C-alpha atoms as a PDB file:
ATOM      1  CA  MET A   1      16.910 -14.099 -21.236  1.00  0.00           C
ATOM      2  CA  PHE A   2      15.456 -11.136 -19.893  1.00  0.00           C
ATOM      3  CA  GLN A   3      15.581 -12.141 -16.210  1.00  0.00           C
ATOM      4  CA  ARG A   4      19.438 -12.670 -16.447  1.00  0.00           C
ATOM      5  CA  LEU A   5      19.969  -9.076 -18.016  1.00  0.00           C
ATOM      6  CA  GLN A   6      17.657  -7.757 -15.532  1.00  0.00           C
ATOM      7  CA  GLN A   7      20.168  -9.164 -13.336  1.00  0.00           C
ATOM      8  CA  LEU A   8      22.879  -6.972 -14.746  1.00  0.00           C
ATOM      9  CA  ALA A   9      21.274  -3.689 -14.064  1.00  0.00           C
ATOM     10  CA  ARG A  10      21.752  -1.593 -11.353  1.00  0.00           C
ATOM     11  CA  PRO A  11      21.175  -2.294  -8.418  1.00  0.00           C
ATOM     12  CA  ARG A  12      21.617  -5.734  -7.855  1.00  0.00           C
ATOM     13  CA  ALA A  13      20.490  -6.108  -4.306  1.00  0.00           C
ATOM     14  CA  PRO A  14      17.827  -4.776  -1.885  1.00  0.00           C
ATOM     15  CA  GLU A  15      19.170  -1.278  -1.159  1.00  0.00           C
ATOM     16  CA  PRO A  16      17.837   1.290   1.603  1.00  0.00           C
ATOM     17  CA  LEU A  17      15.762   4.656   0.975  1.00  0.00           C
ATOM     18  CA  PRO A  18      15.698   7.109  -0.637  1.00  0.00           C
ATOM     19  CA  ALA A  19      17.083   5.743  -3.970  1.00  0.00           C
ATOM     20  CA  ARG A  20      18.559   8.208  -6.320  1.00  0.00           C
ATOM     21  CA  LEU A  21      18.556   7.914 -10.291  1.00  0.00           C
ATOM     22  CA  ASP A  22      21.567   8.885 -11.524  1.00  0.00           C
ATOM     23  CA  ARG A  23      23.147   8.508 -15.346  1.00  0.00           C
ATOM     24  CA  ARG A  24      24.715   5.364 -14.091  1.00  0.00           C
ATOM     25  CA  ARG A  25      21.429   3.417 -13.548  1.00  0.00           C
ATOM     26  CA  ILE A  26      19.522   4.837 -16.114  1.00  0.00           C
ATOM     27  CA  TYR A  27      18.583   2.835 -19.545  1.00  0.00           C
ATOM     28  CA  VAL A  28      17.406   3.875 -22.720  1.00  0.00           C
ATOM     29  CA  LEU A  29      16.214   2.216 -25.507  1.00  0.00           C
ATOM     30  CA  PRO A  30      14.079   2.495 -28.228  1.00  0.00           C
ATOM     31  CA  THR A  31      10.273   1.730 -28.228  1.00  0.00           C
ATOM     32  CA  ALA A  32       8.510  -0.327 -31.121  1.00  0.00           C
ATOM     33  CA  PHE A  33       7.466   3.006 -32.594  1.00  0.00           C
ATOM     34  CA  GLY A  34      11.139   4.244 -32.438  1.00  0.00           C
ATOM     35  CA  LEU A  35      12.525   1.477 -34.654  1.00  0.00           C
ATOM     36  CA  PHE A  36       9.974   2.295 -37.287  1.00  0.00           C
ATOM     37  CA  PHE A  37      10.648   5.791 -37.081  1.00  0.00           C
ATOM     38  CA  PHE A  38      14.367   4.859 -38.101  1.00  0.00           C
ATOM     39  CA  VAL A  39      13.439   2.617 -40.564  1.00  0.00           C
ATOM     40  CA  LEU A  40      11.652   5.332 -41.859  1.00  0.00           C
ATOM     41  CA  LEU A  41      14.777   7.566 -41.667  1.00  0.00           C
ATOM     42  CA  LEU A  42      16.809   5.436 -43.227  1.00  0.00           C
ATOM     43  CA  THR A  43      14.572   4.811 -46.325  1.00  0.00           C
ATOM     44  CA  MET A  44      13.885   8.729 -46.774  1.00  0.00           C
ATOM     45  CA  GLY A  45      18.244   9.168 -46.685  1.00  0.00           C
ATOM     46  CA  VAL A  46      18.851   6.257 -48.993  1.00  0.00           C
ATOM     47  CA  GLY A  47      16.181   7.941 -51.284  1.00  0.00           C
ATOM     48  CA  ALA A  48      17.555  11.275 -50.720  1.00  0.00           C
ATOM     49  CA  LEU A  49      21.216  10.572 -51.629  1.00  0.00           C
ATOM     50  CA  ASN A  50      19.917   8.573 -54.411  1.00  0.00           C
ATOM     51  CA  TYR A  51      18.124  11.207 -56.231  1.00  0.00           C
ATOM     52  CA  ASN A  52      20.542  13.473 -54.838  1.00  0.00           C
ATOM     53  CA  ASN A  53      17.384  15.513 -53.453  1.00  0.00           C
ATOM     54  CA  ASN A  54      18.735  18.339 -51.084  1.00  0.00           C
ATOM     55  CA  PRO A  55      15.197  19.249 -49.469  1.00  0.00           C
ATOM     56  CA  ALA A  56      14.411  15.348 -48.515  1.00  0.00           C
ATOM     57  CA  LEU A  57      17.871  14.919 -47.071  1.00  0.00           C
ATOM     58  CA  LEU A  58      17.691  18.141 -44.913  1.00  0.00           C
ATOM     59  CA  LEU A  59      14.475  17.094 -43.382  1.00  0.00           C
ATOM     60  CA  CYS A  60      16.039  13.928 -42.791  1.00  0.00           C
ATOM     61  CA  LEU A  61      18.523  15.064 -41.079  1.00  0.00           C
ATOM     62  CA  LEU A  62      16.417  17.534 -39.155  1.00  0.00           C
ATOM     63  CA  LEU A  63      14.112  14.529 -37.724  1.00  0.00           C
ATOM     64  CA  ALA A  64      17.154  12.127 -37.173  1.00  0.00           C
ATOM     65  CA  GLY A  65      18.440  15.274 -34.774  1.00  0.00           C
ATOM     66  CA  THR A  66      14.926  15.827 -33.109  1.00  0.00           C
ATOM     67  CA  ALA A  67      14.827  11.765 -32.428  1.00  0.00           C
ATOM     68  CA  LEU A  68      18.313  11.960 -30.555  1.00  0.00           C
ATOM     69  CA  ALA A  69      17.048  15.123 -28.869  1.00  0.00           C
ATOM     70  CA  SER A  70      14.460  12.835 -27.706  1.00  0.00           C
ATOM     71  CA  LEU A  71      16.652  10.338 -26.219  1.00  0.00           C
ATOM     72  CA  LEU A  72      18.637  12.757 -24.047  1.00  0.00           C
ATOM     73  CA  HIS A  73      15.213  14.391 -22.924  1.00  0.00           C
ATOM     74  CA  ALA A  74      13.852  10.641 -22.052  1.00  0.00           C
ATOM     75  CA  HIS A  75      17.093  10.446 -20.107  1.00  0.00           C
ATOM     76  CA  LEU A  76      16.698  13.607 -18.063  1.00  0.00           C
ATOM     77  CA  GLN A  77      13.186  12.551 -17.025  1.00  0.00           C
ATOM     78  CA  LEU A  78      14.328  10.242 -14.810  1.00  0.00           C
ATOM     79  CA  SER A  79      18.136  12.072 -13.974  1.00  0.00           C
ATOM     80  CA  GLY A  80      17.658  13.527 -10.290  1.00  0.00           C
ATOM     81  CA  LEU A  81      14.558  11.788  -9.262  1.00  0.00           C
ATOM     82  CA  ALA A  82      14.818   9.847  -6.031  1.00  0.00           C
ATOM     83  CA  VAL A  83      12.300   7.615  -4.638  1.00  0.00           C
ATOM     84  CA  GLN A  84      12.404   8.864  -0.795  1.00  0.00           C
ATOM     85  CA  ALA A  85       9.908   5.830   0.828  1.00  0.00           C
ATOM     86  CA  ILE A  86       7.391   3.232   0.457  1.00  0.00           C
ATOM     87  CA  ASP A  87       4.583   2.392   2.555  1.00  0.00           C
ATOM     88  CA  ALA A  88       1.159   0.517   2.388  1.00  0.00           C
ATOM     89  CA  GLU A  89      -1.289  -0.204   5.467  1.00  0.00           C
ATOM     90  CA  PRO A  90      -1.331  -4.203   6.075  1.00  0.00           C
ATOM     91  CA  VAL A  91      -4.214  -6.276   4.307  1.00  0.00           C
ATOM     92  CA  PRO A  92      -5.876  -9.305   4.796  1.00  0.00           C
ATOM     93  CA  ALA A  93      -4.315 -11.882   2.922  1.00  0.00           C
ATOM     94  CA  GLY A  94      -6.529 -11.845  -0.703  1.00  0.00           C
ATOM     95  CA  HIS A  95      -6.896  -8.160  -0.623  1.00  0.00           C
ATOM     96  CA  PRO A  96      -5.048  -6.060  -2.649  1.00  0.00           C
ATOM     97  CA  LEU A  97      -2.529  -4.225  -1.064  1.00  0.00           C
ATOM     98  CA  ALA A  98      -2.383  -0.230  -1.817  1.00  0.00           C
ATOM     99  CA  LEU A  99       1.502   0.316  -2.452  1.00  0.00           C
ATOM    100  CA  ARG A 100       2.243   4.104  -2.148  1.00  0.00           C
ATOM    101  CA  VAL A 101       5.806   5.030  -3.545  1.00  0.00           C
ATOM    102  CA  HIS A 102       6.747   8.506  -2.874  1.00  0.00           C
ATOM    103  CA  ALA A 103       9.295  10.329  -5.436  1.00  0.00           C
ATOM    104  CA  ARG A 104      10.753  14.059  -5.268  1.00  0.00           C
ATOM    105  CA  ALA A 105      13.067  15.441  -7.672  1.00  0.00           C
ATOM    106  CA  ASP A 106      16.247  17.307  -6.929  1.00  0.00           C
ATOM    107  CA  VAL A 107      16.122  19.418  -9.937  1.00  0.00           C
ATOM    108  CA  ALA A 108      13.040  21.780 -10.868  1.00  0.00           C
ATOM    109  CA  ARG A 109      11.958  20.860 -14.351  1.00  0.00           C
ATOM    110  CA  PRO A 110       8.758  19.591 -15.995  1.00  0.00           C
ATOM    111  CA  ARG A 111       8.889  15.540 -15.445  1.00  0.00           C
ATOM    112  CA  ARG A 112       5.402  13.837 -17.479  1.00  0.00           C
ATOM    113  CA  GLY A 113       4.539  10.357 -18.546  1.00  0.00           C
ATOM    114  CA  LEU A 114       6.523   8.830 -15.709  1.00  0.00           C
ATOM    115  CA  GLU A 115       5.055   5.156 -14.616  1.00  0.00           C
ATOM    116  CA  VAL A 116       6.248   2.954 -11.896  1.00  0.00           C
ATOM    117  CA  ARG A 117       5.674  -0.825 -12.372  1.00  0.00           C
ATOM    118  CA  ALA A 118       5.736  -3.922 -10.069  1.00  0.00           C
ATOM    119  CA  GLY A 119       5.397  -6.682 -11.550  1.00  0.00           C
ATOM    120  CA  ASP A 120       2.132  -6.574 -13.630  1.00  0.00           C
ATOM    121  CA  THR A 121       1.028  -3.667 -11.757  1.00  0.00           C
ATOM    122  CA  SER A 122       1.763  -0.041 -12.941  1.00  0.00           C
ATOM    123  CA  ALA A 123       0.552   3.193 -12.075  1.00  0.00           C
ATOM    124  CA  ALA A 124       1.258   6.709 -13.251  1.00  0.00           C
ATOM    125  CA  LEU A 125       4.103   9.152 -11.278  1.00  0.00           C
ATOM    126  CA  HIS A 126       2.718  12.915 -10.885  1.00  0.00           C
ATOM    127  CA  LEU A 127       5.298  15.182  -9.655  1.00  0.00           C
ATOM    128  CA  ASP A 128       4.011  18.351  -7.830  1.00  0.00           C
ATOM    129  CA  ASP A 129       6.249  21.061  -7.165  1.00  0.00           C
ATOM    130  CA  GLY A 130       8.912  18.580  -7.181  1.00  0.00           C
ATOM    131  CA  ALA A 131       7.390  15.389  -5.114  1.00  0.00           C
ATOM    132  CA  GLY A 132       4.316  13.360  -5.941  1.00  0.00           C
ATOM    133  CA  GLU A 133       3.600   9.884  -5.369  1.00  0.00           C
ATOM    134  CA  ALA A 134       2.475   6.756  -7.160  1.00  0.00           C
ATOM    135  CA  VAL A 135      -0.347   4.268  -5.605  1.00  0.00           C
ATOM    136  CA  LEU A 136      -0.230   0.641  -6.995  1.00  0.00           C
ATOM    137  CA  GLU A 137      -2.628  -2.354  -5.939  1.00  0.00           C
ATOM    138  CA  LEU A 138      -0.175  -5.302  -5.356  1.00  0.00           C
ATOM    139  CA  PRO A 139      -2.408  -8.844  -5.214  1.00  0.00           C
ATOM    140  CA  THR A 140      -1.598 -10.597  -1.966  1.00  0.00           C
ATOM    141  CA  ALA A 141      -1.981 -14.408  -1.666  1.00  0.00           C
ATOM    142  CA  GLN A 142      -0.878 -15.613   2.126  1.00  0.00           C
ATOM    143  CA  ARG A 143       0.044 -14.008   5.210  1.00  0.00           C
ATOM    144  CA  GLY A 144       3.363 -12.480   6.514  1.00  0.00           C
ATOM    145  CA  TRP A 145       6.168 -10.162   4.623  1.00  0.00           C
ATOM    146  CA  LEU A 146       5.427  -9.300   1.221  1.00  0.00           C
ATOM    147  CA  ASP A 147       8.665  -9.136  -1.156  1.00  0.00           C
ATOM    148  CA  ILE A 148       7.431  -6.484  -3.669  1.00  0.00           C
ATOM    149  CA  GLY A 149      11.130  -7.229  -5.527  1.00  0.00           C
ATOM    150  CA  ARG A 150      12.115  -4.486  -7.998  1.00  0.00           C
ATOM    151  CA  LEU A 151      10.367  -1.044  -8.981  1.00  0.00           C
ATOM    152  CA  ARG A 152      10.623   0.103 -12.149  1.00  0.00           C
ATOM    153  CA  ILE A 153      10.439   3.472 -12.871  1.00  0.00           C
ATOM    154  CA  SER A 154       9.851   4.488 -16.779  1.00  0.00           C
ATOM    155  CA  THR A 155       8.946   7.266 -19.419  1.00  0.00           C
ATOM    156  CA  THR A 156       8.398   7.315 -23.228  1.00  0.00           C
ATOM    157  CA  ARG A 157       8.080  11.199 -23.394  1.00  0.00           C
ATOM    158  CA  PRO A 158       8.561  13.240 -25.018  1.00  0.00           C
ATOM    159  CA  LEU A 159       7.807  11.731 -28.555  1.00  0.00           C
ATOM    160  CA  GLY A 160       7.573   8.048 -27.510  1.00  0.00           C
ATOM    161  CA  LEU A 161      10.654   6.893 -29.753  1.00  0.00           C
ATOM    162  CA  ALA A 162      12.492   5.735 -26.871  1.00  0.00           C
ATOM    163  CA  ARG A 163      11.806   4.184 -23.021  1.00  0.00           C
ATOM    164  CA  ALA A 164      14.240   5.525 -20.482  1.00  0.00           C
ATOM    165  CA  TRP A 165      13.781   3.352 -17.442  1.00  0.00           C
ATOM    166  CA  SER A 166      15.453   2.877 -14.012  1.00  0.00           C
ATOM    167  CA  TRP A 167      15.225  -0.077 -11.500  1.00  0.00           C
ATOM    168  CA  VAL A 168      14.607   0.431  -7.516  1.00  0.00           C
ATOM    169  CA  TRP A 169      14.873  -2.416  -5.101  1.00  0.00           C
ATOM    170  CA  PRO A 170      13.576  -1.308  -1.727  1.00  0.00           C
ATOM    171  CA  ASP A 171      14.605  -3.325   1.133  1.00  0.00           C
ATOM    172  CA  THR A 172      11.462  -2.788   2.826  1.00  0.00           C
ATOM    173  CA  PRO A 173       9.105  -5.665   3.012  1.00  0.00           C
ATOM    174  CA  LEU A 174       5.147  -5.341   3.524  1.00  0.00           C
ATOM    175  CA  LEU A 175       3.304  -6.812   5.854  1.00  0.00           C
ATOM    176  CA  VAL A 176      -0.185  -8.843   5.055  1.00  0.00           C
ATOM    177  CA  TYR A 177      -2.456  -9.830   7.843  1.00  0.00           C
ATOM    178  CA  PRO A 178      -4.019 -13.532   7.701  1.00  0.00           C
ATOM    179  CA  ALA A 179      -7.719 -13.800   6.295  1.00  0.00           C
ATOM    180  CA  PRO A 180     -10.294 -14.054   9.157  1.00  0.00           C
ATOM    181  CA  GLU A 181     -12.429 -16.885   9.107  1.00  0.00           C
ATOM    182  CA  ALA A 182     -15.622 -16.182   6.888  1.00  0.00           C
ATOM    183  CA  HIS A 183     -17.690 -18.069   9.701  1.00  0.00           C
ATOM    184  CA  GLY A 184     -17.155 -19.370  13.277  1.00  0.00           C
ATOM    185  CA  PRO A 185     -17.993 -19.494  16.533  1.00  0.00           C
ATOM    186  CA  PRO A 186     -18.820 -16.594  18.787  1.00  0.00           C
ATOM    187  CA  LEU A 187     -15.829 -14.885  20.803  1.00  0.00           C
ATOM    188  CA  PRO A 188     -14.494 -16.857  23.656  1.00  0.00           C
ATOM    189  CA  GLU A 189     -16.433 -15.778  26.800  1.00  0.00           C
ATOM    190  CA  GLY A 190     -14.341 -13.337  29.003  1.00  0.00           C
ATOM    191  CA  ALA A 191     -12.183 -14.177  32.150  1.00  0.00           C
ATOM    192  CA  GLY A 192     -11.245 -12.513  35.267  1.00  0.00           C
ATOM    193  CA  ASP A 193     -12.558 -10.377  37.281  1.00  0.00           C
ATOM    194  CA  ASN A 194     -12.127  -6.625  35.313  1.00  0.00           C
ATOM    195  CA  ALA A 195     -15.533  -6.494  34.215  1.00  0.00           C
ATOM    196  CA  GLN A 196     -16.371  -3.235  32.710  1.00  0.00           C
ATOM    197  CA  ALA A 197     -19.038  -0.611  31.292  1.00  0.00           C
ATOM    198  CA  ARG A 198     -19.342   0.949  28.259  1.00  0.00           C
ATOM    199  CA  LEU A 199     -21.323   3.451  26.209  1.00  0.00           C
ATOM    200  CA  HIS A 200     -24.338   1.916  23.701  1.00  0.00           C
ATOM    201  CA  ALA A 201     -27.330   3.571  22.582  1.00  0.00           C
ATOM    202  CA  ALA A 202     -29.622   0.893  23.692  1.00  0.00           C
ATOM    203  CA  GLY A 203     -27.925   0.526  27.280  1.00  0.00           C
ATOM    204  CA  ASP A 204     -29.856   0.115  30.621  1.00  0.00           C
ATOM    205  CA  ASP A 205     -28.093   2.875  32.604  1.00  0.00           C
ATOM    206  CA  VAL A 206     -27.759   6.850  32.344  1.00  0.00           C
ATOM    207  CA  HIS A 207     -24.130   7.351  32.312  1.00  0.00           C
ATOM    208  CA  HIS A 208     -24.273  11.162  31.599  1.00  0.00           C
ATOM    209  CA  LEU A 209     -26.316  13.958  29.678  1.00  0.00           C
ATOM    210  CA  ARG A 210     -24.378  15.705  26.705  1.00  0.00           C
ATOM    211  CA  ASN A 211     -25.280  18.542  24.222  1.00  0.00           C
ATOM    212  CA  TRP A 212     -27.331  17.466  21.314  1.00  0.00           C
ATOM    213  CA  ARG A 213     -25.955  16.691  18.364  1.00  0.00           C
ATOM    214  CA  ARG A 214     -27.691  16.554  14.960  1.00  0.00           C
ATOM    215  CA  GLY A 215     -28.831  13.120  13.957  1.00  0.00           C
ATOM    216  CA  ASP A 216     -29.649  12.208  17.632  1.00  0.00           C
ATOM    217  CA  SER A 217     -32.937  10.224  18.332  1.00  0.00           C
ATOM    218  CA  ARG A 218     -35.844  12.351  19.465  1.00  0.00           C
ATOM    219  CA  ARG A 219     -36.467   9.935  22.104  1.00  0.00           C
ATOM    220  CA  ALA A 220     -33.491  10.279  23.909  1.00  0.00           C
ATOM    221  CA  ILE A 221     -33.741  13.969  24.704  1.00  0.00           C
ATOM    222  CA  ALA A 222     -33.547  14.841  28.446  1.00  0.00           C
ATOM    223  CA  TRP A 223     -36.848  17.164  28.292  1.00  0.00           C
ATOM    224  CA  LYS A 224     -36.595  18.577  32.128  1.00  0.00           C
ATOM    225  CA  PRO A 225     -33.355  19.189  32.313  1.00  0.00           C
ATOM    226  CA  SER A 226     -33.098  20.470  28.654  1.00  0.00           C
ATOM    227  CA  ALA A 227     -35.468  22.966  29.880  1.00  0.00           C
ATOM    228  CA  ARG A 228     -33.480  24.156  33.135  1.00  0.00           C
ATOM    229  CA  ARG A 229     -30.476  24.756  31.034  1.00  0.00           C
ATOM    230  CA  ASP A 230     -32.457  26.110  28.372  1.00  0.00           C
ATOM    231  CA  GLN A 231     -30.680  24.066  25.899  1.00  0.00           C
ATOM    232  CA  LEU A 232     -31.180  20.470  24.276  1.00  0.00           C
ATOM    233  CA  LEU A 233     -29.483  17.787  26.158  1.00  0.00           C
ATOM    234  CA  VAL A 234     -29.118  13.871  25.296  1.00  0.00           C
ATOM    235  CA  ARG A 235     -28.938  11.208  27.568  1.00  0.00           C
ATOM    236  CA  GLU A 236     -26.284   8.796  27.294  1.00  0.00           C
ATOM    237  CA  TYR A 237     -26.323   5.154  28.140  1.00  0.00           C
ATOM    238  CA  GLU A 238     -23.908   2.818  29.577  1.00  0.00           C
ATOM    239  CA  GLN A 239     -24.349  -1.400  28.792  1.00  0.00           C
ATOM    240  CA  PRO A 240     -22.510  -3.656  31.365  1.00  0.00           C
ATOM    241  CA  GLN A 241     -19.471  -5.196  29.369  1.00  0.00           C
ATOM    242  CA  GLY A 242     -18.008  -8.778  30.385  1.00  0.00           C
ATOM    243  CA  ALA A 243     -14.493  -9.361  31.511  1.00  0.00           C
ATOM    244  CA  ASP A 244     -11.428  -9.327  28.942  1.00  0.00           C
ATOM    245  CA  VAL A 245     -11.856 -11.605  26.157  1.00  0.00           C
ATOM    246  CA  VAL A 246      -9.445 -13.913  26.153  1.00  0.00           C
ATOM    247  CA  ILE A 247      -8.082 -15.484  22.490  1.00  0.00           C
ATOM    248  CA  ASP A 248      -5.958 -18.395  23.050  1.00  0.00           C
ATOM    249  CA  TRP A 249      -4.116 -20.762  20.677  1.00  0.00           C
ATOM    250  CA  ARG A 250      -5.151 -23.803  22.469  1.00  0.00           C
ATOM    251  CA  GLY A 251      -8.697 -23.102  22.473  1.00  0.00           C
ATOM    252  CA  THR A 252      -8.835 -24.162  18.582  1.00  0.00           C
ATOM    253  CA  ALA A 253      -6.898 -27.465  19.215  1.00  0.00           C
ATOM    254  CA  GLU A 254      -9.106 -29.331  16.947  1.00  0.00           C
ATOM    255  CA  LEU A 255      -8.431 -26.938  13.488  1.00  0.00           C
ATOM    256  CA  PRO A 256      -5.920 -27.321  11.194  1.00  0.00           C
ATOM    257  CA  TYR A 257      -2.683 -24.959  11.493  1.00  0.00           C
ATOM    258  CA  GLU A 258      -3.509 -22.316   9.093  1.00  0.00           C
ATOM    259  CA  ALA A 259      -7.105 -22.453  10.173  1.00  0.00           C
ATOM    260  CA  ARG A 260      -6.715 -21.409  13.137  1.00  0.00           C
ATOM    261  CA  ILE A 261      -4.707 -18.693  12.690  1.00  0.00           C
ATOM    262  CA  ARG A 262      -7.606 -17.487  10.507  1.00  0.00           C
ATOM    263  CA  ARG A 263     -10.189 -18.245  13.425  1.00  0.00           C
ATOM    264  CA  LEU A 264      -8.142 -16.225  16.010  1.00  0.00           C
ATOM    265  CA  ALA A 265      -7.885 -13.439  13.557  1.00  0.00           C
ATOM    266  CA  ARG A 266     -11.236 -13.165  13.150  1.00  0.00           C
ATOM    267  CA  TRP A 267     -11.696 -13.206  17.152  1.00  0.00           C
ATOM    268  CA  VAL A 268      -9.331 -10.342  17.185  1.00  0.00           C
ATOM    269  CA  ASP A 269     -11.853  -8.268  14.422  1.00  0.00           C
ATOM    270  CA  GLU A 270     -14.720  -9.114  16.491  1.00  0.00           C
ATOM    271  CA  ALA A 271     -13.476  -8.026  19.813  1.00  0.00           C
ATOM    272  CA  GLU A 272     -12.277  -4.803  18.262  1.00  0.00           C
ATOM    273  CA  ARG A 273     -15.458  -4.432  16.925  1.00  0.00           C
ATOM    274  CA  ASP A 274     -17.531  -4.593  19.747  1.00  0.00           C
ATOM    275  CA  GLN A 275     -15.199  -2.319  21.663  1.00  0.00           C
ATOM    276  CA  ARG A 276     -13.803  -5.329  24.190  1.00  0.00           C
ATOM    277  CA  ARG A 277     -10.949  -5.419  26.030  1.00  0.00           C
ATOM    278  CA  TYR A 278      -8.600  -8.557  24.423  1.00  0.00           C
ATOM    279  CA  VAL A 279      -5.693 -10.481  25.109  1.00  0.00           C
ATOM    280  CA  LEU A 280      -4.092 -12.860  22.507  1.00  0.00           C
ATOM    281  CA  ARG A 281      -2.096 -15.996  23.664  1.00  0.00           C
ATOM    282  CA  LEU A 282       0.057 -17.357  21.144  1.00  0.00           C
ATOM    283  CA  PRO A 283       2.658 -20.588  21.801  1.00  0.00           C
ATOM    284  CA  GLY A 284       6.028 -19.664  23.159  1.00  0.00           C
ATOM    285  CA  GLN A 285       5.358 -15.451  23.063  1.00  0.00           C
ATOM    286  CA  PRO A 286       4.199 -13.439  25.894  1.00  0.00           C
ATOM    287  CA  ALA A 287       0.636 -12.653  25.849  1.00  0.00           C
ATOM    288  CA  VAL A 288      -0.251  -9.710  23.740  1.00  0.00           C
ATOM    289  CA  GLY A 289      -2.579  -7.498  25.815  1.00  0.00           C
ATOM    290  CA  PRO A 290      -5.017  -7.108  27.333  1.00  0.00           C
ATOM    291  CA  ALA A 291      -6.180  -3.741  25.661  1.00  0.00           C
ATOM    292  CA  ARG A 292      -7.854  -2.319  22.943  1.00  0.00           C
ATOM    293  CA  GLY A 293      -7.853   0.285  20.025  1.00  0.00           C
ATOM    294  CA  ALA A 294      -6.119   0.127  16.525  1.00  0.00           C
ATOM    295  CA  LEU A 295      -2.367  -0.410  17.615  1.00  0.00           C
ATOM    296  CA  HIS A 296      -3.496  -3.120  19.992  1.00  0.00           C
ATOM    297  CA  ARG A 297      -5.337  -4.858  16.857  1.00  0.00           C
ATOM    298  CA  HIS A 298      -2.408  -4.247  14.758  1.00  0.00           C
ATOM    299  CA  ALA A 299       0.230  -5.799  17.121  1.00  0.00           C
ATOM    300  CA  CYS A 300      -2.323  -9.180  17.537  1.00  0.00           C
ATOM    301  CA  LEU A 301      -2.655  -9.459  13.428  1.00  0.00           C
ATOM    302  CA  ARG A 302       1.332  -9.032  13.063  1.00  0.00           C
ATOM    303  CA  ALA A 303       2.018 -11.583  15.812  1.00  0.00           C
ATOM    304  CA  LEU A 304      -0.681 -13.970  13.593  1.00  0.00           C
ATOM    305  CA  ALA A 305       0.702 -12.941  10.750  1.00  0.00           C
ATOM    306  CA  LEU A 306       4.693 -13.832  11.524  1.00  0.00           C
ATOM    307  CA  LEU A 307       3.762 -16.999  13.231  1.00  0.00           C
ATOM    308  CA  PRO A 308       6.097 -19.587  11.172  1.00  0.00           C
ATOM    309  CA  GLU A 309       5.056 -21.662   8.209  1.00  0.00           C
ATOM    310  CA  ALA A 310       4.801 -24.925  10.294  1.00  0.00           C
ATOM    311  CA  MET A 311       4.270 -25.508  14.235  1.00  0.00           C
ATOM    312  CA  HIS A 312       2.837 -27.715  16.090  1.00  0.00           C
ATOM    313  CA  GLY A 313       1.121 -26.998  19.595  1.00  0.00           C
END
């Protein structure tokens, strides 16, 4: 029943952001406390009329006027509010995704007690100088696009007698990376003739000298050059590094489909952690790389996350 009523509420389809809340999409209903308060006022009114008690009747009318004013105030808490954008950093499947909901009010007035809810997860929305954000921890179960569905923005302020709420249905899906394999074989050997060297504290060859920084080991200090320049200098070493790592879909043919994706995701993370250049090769797609860095890692994990659910080869 509730789901059928929800389908009738605005918006009825995903919408682009920003989305502004106006009177056509804000709903107000009494809370459980509000219903109790209504019954209490009704009892007071009947008793005051029955006993012709004017002070009690005046009090009842004053409380009723206050309740009606609180309904209008709850509506105004949401009116003019706009959800500007949503965003979240991709996480591996199985980890909570931190969804940030950015909102702004076009009318400068205090707005308190706002709550944003997505499914069973909720968070407070605090506005400072008319702008603010709420951060919701959403569970993730599988790789690919995560459709968060409708977001409910609500408040029960100022008196808790009524709840005003509105729906926002962003058309922005969020990406979930595949969960990397927990344990597995080491990275494949590099291929090609583009062997490199990288800075490493335990390397073999001196690469250059640099100024001393807090936390540097005393054993790395170059004392003679430091004495000549009258300042502490530290040796930076380099360690030979193999050629580009090739992370190839064909190298995991013995594994089930999803297990192959998890292993490749693990190798991407390992290559990035070791600061190795790597290339990802997937069937039916151009090779990704060779490169390294946050953008390259995202491109590789995105390609793995968006592989079809069923594919052979």
